[in-house]
Amino acid sequence: MENDLVKYLGDLLLHQDDRLLIKLRMGDGLDKSKVDEICAVLSQLAIE
């Protein structure tokens, strides 16, 4: 399960159409819902 969460975290940051880091670099601003989702994944990984 951990590998799935790590892959999902990578997708959220880099690989999806609305990638968080790419949007930030382009100056499009911060997507707070994505940040919340990333925090949830990181919290789950911390528990595991």
C-alpha atoms as a PDB file:
ATOM      1  CA  MET A   1       0.000   0.000   0.000  1.00  0.00           C
ATOM      2  CA  GLU A   2       2.870   2.384   0.761  1.00  0.00           C
ATOM      3  CA  ASN A   3       4.112   2.232  -2.817  1.00  0.00           C
ATOM      4  CA  ASP A   4       0.651   3.212  -4.044  1.00  0.00           C
ATOM      5  CA  LEU A   5       0.594   6.239  -1.744  1.00  0.00           C
ATOM      6  CA  VAL A   6       4.077   7.312  -2.800  1.00  0.00           C
ATOM      7  CA  LYS A   7       3.125   6.979  -6.471  1.00  0.00           C
ATOM      8  CA  TYR A   8      -0.078   8.924  -5.849  1.00  0.00           C
ATOM      9  CA  LEU A   9       1.889  11.660  -4.085  1.00  0.00           C
ATOM     10  CA  GLY A  10       4.201  11.892  -7.088  1.00  0.00           C
ATOM     11  CA  ASP A  11       1.198  12.123  -9.378  1.00  0.00           C
ATOM     12  CA  LEU A  12      -0.256  14.949  -7.309  1.00  0.00           C
ATOM     13  CA  LEU A  13       2.998  16.859  -7.423  1.00  0.00           C
ATOM     14  CA  LEU A  14       4.289  16.190 -10.927  1.00  0.00           C
ATOM     15  CA  HIS A  15       2.392  13.830 -13.202  1.00  0.00           C
ATOM     16  CA  GLN A  16      -1.261  14.852 -13.355  1.00  0.00           C
ATOM     17  CA  ASP A  17      -2.713  17.347 -15.818  1.00  0.00           C
ATOM     18  CA  ASP A  18      -3.068  19.916 -13.029  1.00  0.00           C
ATOM     19  CA  ARG A  19       0.310  19.299 -11.373  1.00  0.00           C
ATOM     20  CA  LEU A  20       0.818  21.398  -8.268  1.00  0.00           C
ATOM     21  CA  LEU A  21       4.507  22.194  -8.732  1.00  0.00           C
ATOM     22  CA  ILE A  22       4.208  23.045 -12.412  1.00  0.00           C
ATOM     23  CA  LYS A  23       1.320  25.428 -11.730  1.00  0.00           C
ATOM     24  CA  LEU A  24       3.350  27.145  -9.032  1.00  0.00           C
ATOM     25  CA  ARG A  25       6.358  27.535 -11.307  1.00  0.00           C
ATOM     26  CA  MET A  26       4.192  28.979 -14.051  1.00  0.00           C
ATOM     27  CA  GLY A  27       2.752  31.542 -11.636  1.00  0.00           C
ATOM     28  CA  ASP A  28      -0.782  30.128 -11.687  1.00  0.00           C
ATOM     29  CA  GLY A  29      -1.055  30.167  -7.906  1.00  0.00           C
ATOM     30  CA  LEU A  30      -1.664  27.546  -5.265  1.00  0.00           C
ATOM     31  CA  ASP A  31      -4.500  25.050  -5.554  1.00  0.00           C
ATOM     32  CA  LYS A  32      -5.577  24.698  -1.925  1.00  0.00           C
ATOM     33  CA  SER A  33      -7.604  21.547  -2.581  1.00  0.00           C
ATOM     34  CA  LYS A  34      -4.486  19.873  -4.020  1.00  0.00           C
ATOM     35  CA  VAL A  35      -2.473  20.972  -0.996  1.00  0.00           C
ATOM     36  CA  ASP A  36      -5.109  19.461   1.299  1.00  0.00           C
ATOM     37  CA  GLU A  37      -4.991  16.217  -0.669  1.00  0.00           C
ATOM     38  CA  ILE A  38      -1.185  16.137  -0.512  1.00  0.00           C
ATOM     39  CA  CYS A  39      -1.302  16.735   3.251  1.00  0.00           C
ATOM     40  CA  ALA A  40      -3.743  13.853   3.646  1.00  0.00           C
ATOM     41  CA  VAL A  41      -1.434  11.512   1.715  1.00  0.00           C
ATOM     42  CA  LEU A  42       1.580  12.630   3.752  1.00  0.00           C
ATOM     43  CA  SER A  43      -0.351  12.074   6.975  1.00  0.00           C
ATOM     44  CA  GLN A  44      -1.292   8.574   5.863  1.00  0.00           C
ATOM     45  CA  LEU A  45       2.331   7.828   4.964  1.00  0.00           C
ATOM     46  CA  ALA A  46       3.441   9.081   8.388  1.00  0.00           C
ATOM     47  CA  ILE A  47       1.037   6.657  10.069  1.00  0.00           C
ATOM     48  CA  GLU A  48       2.330   3.749   8.004  1.00  0.00           C
END
